Amino acid sequence: MSAAALAEYLIMRPNGQQNVLHDCKFSRPPIVTANGDALRALRAYNADPRRSEETLVRVKEALTIKARDQTIKPKGREDALRCLEIIDLFSQRENALGMRRMALSEAPDFPAINIEGVTVSIQPDFLVGGGRGGARVGAGLLRVAKAPDPGACKRDETKARRGENRRDMARYLVAMMYMLLDQQDGGLGTIDRDLFFVADVRLGERIGPASDHSVRMRDIRGACQQIRELWPSIKAKPALYRK
């Protein structure tokens, strides 16, 4: 199960939770990560102390060519346009995200961890600080997914609710990244809760740990216990058999 799916599960009502678990159990993961070109470019840009604009310019030029190339399948062109949109959004909101002064390095691929019997893949985009001599370390994640999308709402109250859902998910993701680094036995440095964040590109906000951070970690463990018990009973929807 991915960290994003678990965070979504935690903020959902029961019907929505069932859908999340069904999709985790039966949906085939895409071969290429959605938004991958944009995320790779933004990781490289933010991990560079110089924050060289050339990194993003080169990627945008390549994506523009791809989006106009009629020999590429429509889905590939759509992916290129979506990645261009994400990079432009980041550039517009970079100051609000406040990442320029942070000591960021690209995070390694971490093996999935076991939380109360559930295997959870937690993959930060960055390590914050860290190094030898017990230096303080944290982790950061870029969130570019649209759902839940406040921008698609006409009513202010719906927009506000979806925005708060994104913040709530981000705080759970921060708690999961903390749990991930806590399992590294100090190999990356001394964990500092204040160095964890989710940079939500669509909200234009950098979201840190919640005031109830410890409670959220208990919520995560409780949700994983529930998922472990429910997992055997999740059946494929009939529509899957018609494909």
Protein backbone atom coordinates (compact mmCIF):
# COMPACT_ATOMS: atom_id res chain seq x y z
CA MET A 1 0.00 0.00 0.00
CA SER A 2 1.34 3.45 -0.81
CA ALA A 3 1.63 6.21 1.76
CA ALA A 4 -0.71 8.38 -0.33
CA ALA A 5 -3.37 5.64 -0.38
CA LEU A 6 -3.09 5.16 3.39
CA ALA A 7 -3.36 8.93 3.97
CA GLU A 8 -6.44 9.00 1.74
CA TYR A 9 -7.93 6.07 3.68
CA LEU A 10 -7.43 7.95 6.94
CA ILE A 11 -9.45 10.99 5.86
CA MET A 12 -12.24 9.04 4.10
CA ARG A 13 -15.66 7.96 5.30
CA PRO A 14 -16.34 4.17 5.34
CA ASN A 15 -17.61 3.95 1.74
CA GLY A 16 -14.60 5.83 0.48
CA GLN A 17 -12.29 3.68 2.57
CA GLN A 18 -13.71 0.56 0.91
CA ASN A 19 -12.94 2.03 -2.51
CA VAL A 20 -9.37 2.86 -1.50
CA LEU A 21 -8.75 -0.69 -0.26
CA HIS A 22 -10.36 -2.21 -3.36
CA ASP A 23 -8.14 -0.15 -5.65
CA CYS A 24 -5.03 -1.02 -3.63
CA LYS A 25 -5.81 -4.72 -3.83
CA PHE A 26 -6.96 -5.04 -7.43
CA SER A 27 -5.81 -2.06 -9.50
CA ARG A 28 -2.69 -2.53 -11.57
CA PRO A 29 -0.06 0.10 -10.79
CA PRO A 30 1.03 2.15 -13.82
CA ILE A 31 4.34 1.12 -15.36
CA VAL A 32 5.48 4.74 -15.41
CA THR A 33 4.66 6.91 -12.40
CA ALA A 34 2.10 9.57 -13.21
CA ASN A 35 3.67 13.05 -13.32
CA GLY A 36 7.10 11.37 -13.31
CA ASP A 37 8.82 13.83 -15.67
CA ALA A 38 7.69 16.79 -13.58
CA LEU A 39 8.65 15.20 -10.29
CA ARG A 40 12.11 14.19 -11.52
CA ALA A 41 12.74 17.74 -12.71
CA LEU A 42 11.52 19.30 -9.46
CA ARG A 43 13.60 16.91 -7.35
CA ALA A 44 16.74 17.75 -9.33
CA TYR A 45 16.03 21.49 -9.18
CA ASN A 46 15.40 21.59 -5.43
CA ALA A 47 18.34 19.32 -4.58
CA ASP A 48 20.67 21.73 -6.42
CA PRO A 49 21.93 24.39 -3.95
CA ARG A 50 22.09 26.87 -6.85
CA ARG A 51 18.42 26.26 -7.80
CA SER A 52 19.42 26.61 -11.45
CA GLU A 53 16.44 27.59 -13.62
CA GLU A 54 18.13 25.84 -16.55
CA THR A 55 17.13 22.49 -15.03
CA LEU A 56 13.44 23.31 -15.37
CA VAL A 57 13.81 25.13 -18.69
CA ARG A 58 15.41 22.08 -20.37
CA VAL A 59 12.68 19.77 -19.13
CA LYS A 60 9.93 22.17 -20.19
CA GLU A 61 11.41 22.42 -23.70
CA ALA A 62 11.47 18.62 -24.01
CA LEU A 63 7.90 18.32 -22.69
CA THR A 64 6.65 21.01 -25.10
CA ILE A 65 8.11 19.08 -28.04
CA LYS A 66 6.54 15.87 -26.77
CA ALA A 67 3.13 17.53 -26.30
CA ARG A 68 3.14 18.69 -29.95
CA ASP A 69 4.44 15.44 -31.44
CA GLN A 70 1.56 13.84 -33.35
CA THR A 71 3.47 10.56 -33.65
CA ILE A 72 3.07 10.06 -29.88
CA LYS A 73 -0.13 8.55 -28.52
CA PRO A 74 -2.68 11.04 -27.11
CA LYS A 75 -2.11 9.80 -23.56
CA GLY A 76 1.61 10.55 -23.85
CA ARG A 77 0.86 14.08 -25.08
CA GLU A 78 -1.63 14.59 -22.23
CA ASP A 79 0.97 13.43 -19.72
CA ALA A 80 3.45 15.95 -21.13
CA LEU A 81 0.92 18.79 -20.84
CA ARG A 82 0.10 17.80 -17.25
CA CYS A 83 3.80 17.78 -16.34
CA LEU A 84 4.24 21.21 -17.92
CA GLU A 85 1.33 22.49 -15.85
CA ILE A 86 2.89 21.13 -12.64
CA ILE A 87 6.29 22.72 -13.31
CA ASP A 88 4.64 26.07 -14.11
CA LEU A 89 2.56 25.87 -10.92
CA PHE A 90 5.67 25.17 -8.88
CA SER A 91 7.49 28.15 -10.45
CA GLN A 92 4.54 30.44 -9.68
CA ARG A 93 4.30 29.26 -6.07
CA GLU A 94 7.94 28.60 -5.22
CA ASN A 95 8.22 31.60 -2.90
CA ALA A 96 5.10 30.57 -1.00
CA LEU A 97 6.45 27.02 -0.59
CA GLY A 98 9.58 28.44 1.05
CA MET A 99 11.99 25.66 0.05
CA ARG A 100 14.84 27.75 -1.38
CA ARG A 101 16.75 28.11 1.89
CA MET A 102 16.35 24.48 2.89
CA ALA A 103 19.26 22.02 2.68
CA LEU A 104 17.66 19.40 0.45
CA SER A 105 19.08 16.28 -1.17
CA GLU A 106 17.24 13.69 -3.24
CA ALA A 107 16.06 10.85 -1.02
CA PRO A 108 17.13 7.28 -1.75
CA ASP A 109 14.61 4.56 -2.53
CA PHE A 110 13.46 3.18 0.80
CA PRO A 111 12.19 -0.37 1.27
CA ALA A 112 8.58 -0.60 2.37
CA ILE A 113 8.01 -0.77 6.11
CA ASN A 114 5.62 -2.93 8.12
CA ILE A 115 3.02 -1.02 10.13
CA GLU A 116 0.86 -3.34 12.22
CA GLY A 117 0.98 -6.06 9.58
CA VAL A 118 0.46 -3.80 6.55
CA THR A 119 3.31 -3.23 4.09
CA VAL A 120 3.48 0.50 3.37
CA SER A 121 5.70 2.15 0.75
CA ILE A 122 6.77 5.62 1.92
CA GLN A 123 9.00 7.43 -0.56
CA PRO A 124 10.01 11.00 0.33
CA ASP A 125 11.31 13.18 -2.46
CA PHE A 126 13.98 14.81 -0.27
CA LEU A 127 16.07 14.39 2.81
CA VAL A 128 16.35 17.60 4.79
CA GLY A 129 19.72 18.14 6.47
CA GLY A 130 21.30 14.92 7.73
CA GLY A 131 24.81 13.57 7.43
CA ARG A 132 27.50 12.38 9.80
CA GLY A 133 28.02 13.32 13.39
CA GLY A 134 24.37 13.04 14.42
CA ALA A 135 23.25 15.99 12.28
CA ARG A 136 19.53 16.70 12.39
CA VAL A 137 17.54 15.12 9.57
CA GLY A 138 14.02 15.19 8.23
CA ALA A 139 12.23 14.44 4.97
CA GLY A 140 10.10 16.27 2.44
CA LEU A 141 7.53 15.33 -0.16
CA LEU A 142 6.20 17.20 -3.19
CA ARG A 143 2.46 16.72 -3.57
CA VAL A 144 1.25 17.48 -7.11
CA ALA A 145 -1.81 15.19 -7.45
CA LYS A 146 -5.07 17.01 -8.14
CA ALA A 147 -7.41 15.00 -5.93
CA PRO A 148 -9.05 16.30 -3.86
CA ASP A 149 -9.01 19.35 -6.14
CA PRO A 150 -10.12 22.64 -4.53
CA GLY A 151 -9.65 24.44 -7.84
CA ALA A 152 -12.48 22.45 -9.44
CA CYS A 153 -15.06 23.73 -6.92
CA LYS A 154 -17.46 26.61 -7.54
CA ARG A 155 -18.71 26.93 -3.96
CA ASP A 156 -16.34 28.50 -1.45
CA GLU A 157 -17.31 26.08 1.31
CA THR A 158 -16.57 23.05 -0.89
CA LYS A 159 -13.27 24.58 -1.95
CA ALA A 160 -12.34 25.19 1.70
CA ARG A 161 -13.29 21.63 2.69
CA ARG A 162 -11.21 20.07 -0.07
CA GLY A 163 -8.28 22.29 0.80
CA GLU A 164 -8.47 21.15 4.41
CA ASN A 165 -8.66 17.52 3.24
CA ARG A 166 -5.37 18.04 1.38
CA ARG A 167 -3.79 19.57 4.50
CA ASP A 168 -5.07 16.67 6.60
CA MET A 169 -3.57 14.15 4.17
CA ALA A 170 -0.29 16.07 4.22
CA ARG A 171 -0.08 15.89 8.02
CA TYR A 172 -0.59 12.12 7.89
CA LEU A 173 2.11 11.87 5.23
CA VAL A 174 4.47 13.84 7.46
CA ALA A 175 3.76 11.40 10.31
CA MET A 176 4.47 8.44 8.00
CA MET A 177 7.77 9.93 6.81
CA TYR A 178 8.73 10.36 10.46
CA MET A 179 7.92 6.69 11.10
CA LEU A 180 10.02 5.74 8.07
CA LEU A 181 13.12 7.62 9.21
CA ASP A 182 12.62 6.41 12.77
CA GLN A 183 13.14 2.87 11.45
CA GLN A 184 16.54 3.76 9.97
CA ASP A 185 18.21 3.44 13.42
CA GLY A 186 19.92 6.82 13.20
CA GLY A 187 21.80 5.93 10.02
CA LEU A 188 20.73 9.18 8.33
CA GLY A 189 21.16 11.45 11.34
CA THR A 190 19.18 12.53 14.38
CA ILE A 191 15.50 12.83 13.51
CA ASP A 192 14.06 16.32 13.96
CA ARG A 193 10.29 16.50 13.66
CA ASP A 194 10.45 20.15 12.59
CA LEU A 195 12.39 19.18 9.44
CA PHE A 196 9.52 17.18 7.93
CA PHE A 197 7.14 18.71 5.41
CA VAL A 198 4.82 18.20 2.47
CA ALA A 199 5.03 20.91 -0.21
CA ASP A 200 1.56 20.98 -1.76
CA VAL A 201 2.15 22.57 -5.15
CA ARG A 202 -1.56 22.99 -5.90
CA LEU A 203 -2.31 24.72 -2.59
CA GLY A 204 0.95 26.66 -2.70
CA GLU A 205 1.66 25.69 0.92
CA ARG A 206 4.40 23.92 2.83
CA ILE A 207 2.72 21.82 5.50
CA GLY A 208 4.68 20.61 8.51
CA PRO A 209 3.88 18.26 11.38
CA ALA A 210 0.52 18.61 13.07
CA SER A 211 0.16 19.76 16.68
CA ASP A 212 -1.30 16.28 17.32
CA HIS A 213 1.59 14.51 15.56
CA SER A 214 1.78 11.68 18.12
CA VAL A 215 -1.97 11.11 17.92
CA ARG A 216 -1.73 10.84 14.15
CA MET A 217 0.93 8.15 14.41
CA ARG A 218 -1.43 6.21 16.67
CA ASP A 219 -4.21 6.76 14.11
CA ILE A 220 -1.96 5.34 11.39
CA ARG A 221 -1.21 2.23 13.43
CA GLY A 222 -4.89 1.81 14.28
CA ALA A 223 -5.89 2.17 10.61
CA CYS A 224 -3.29 -0.44 9.61
CA GLN A 225 -4.65 -2.87 12.20
CA GLN A 226 -8.11 -2.35 10.70
CA ILE A 227 -6.83 -2.80 7.14
CA ARG A 228 -5.03 -6.01 8.08
CA GLU A 229 -8.30 -7.43 9.41
CA LEU A 230 -10.40 -6.23 6.46
CA TRP A 231 -7.97 -7.23 3.69
CA PRO A 232 -9.07 -10.90 3.26
CA SER A 233 -12.73 -9.86 2.94
CA ILE A 234 -12.19 -7.35 0.10
CA LYS A 235 -13.67 -8.79 -3.11
CA ALA A 236 -13.16 -7.60 -6.65
CA LYS A 237 -15.98 -5.52 -8.09
CA PRO A 238 -17.95 -7.27 -10.87
CA ALA A 239 -16.78 -4.67 -13.39
CA LEU A 240 -13.25 -6.09 -13.13
CA TYR A 241 -14.40 -9.45 -14.47
CA ARG A 242 -15.89 -7.81 -17.57
CA LYS A 243 -12.58 -6.31 -18.67
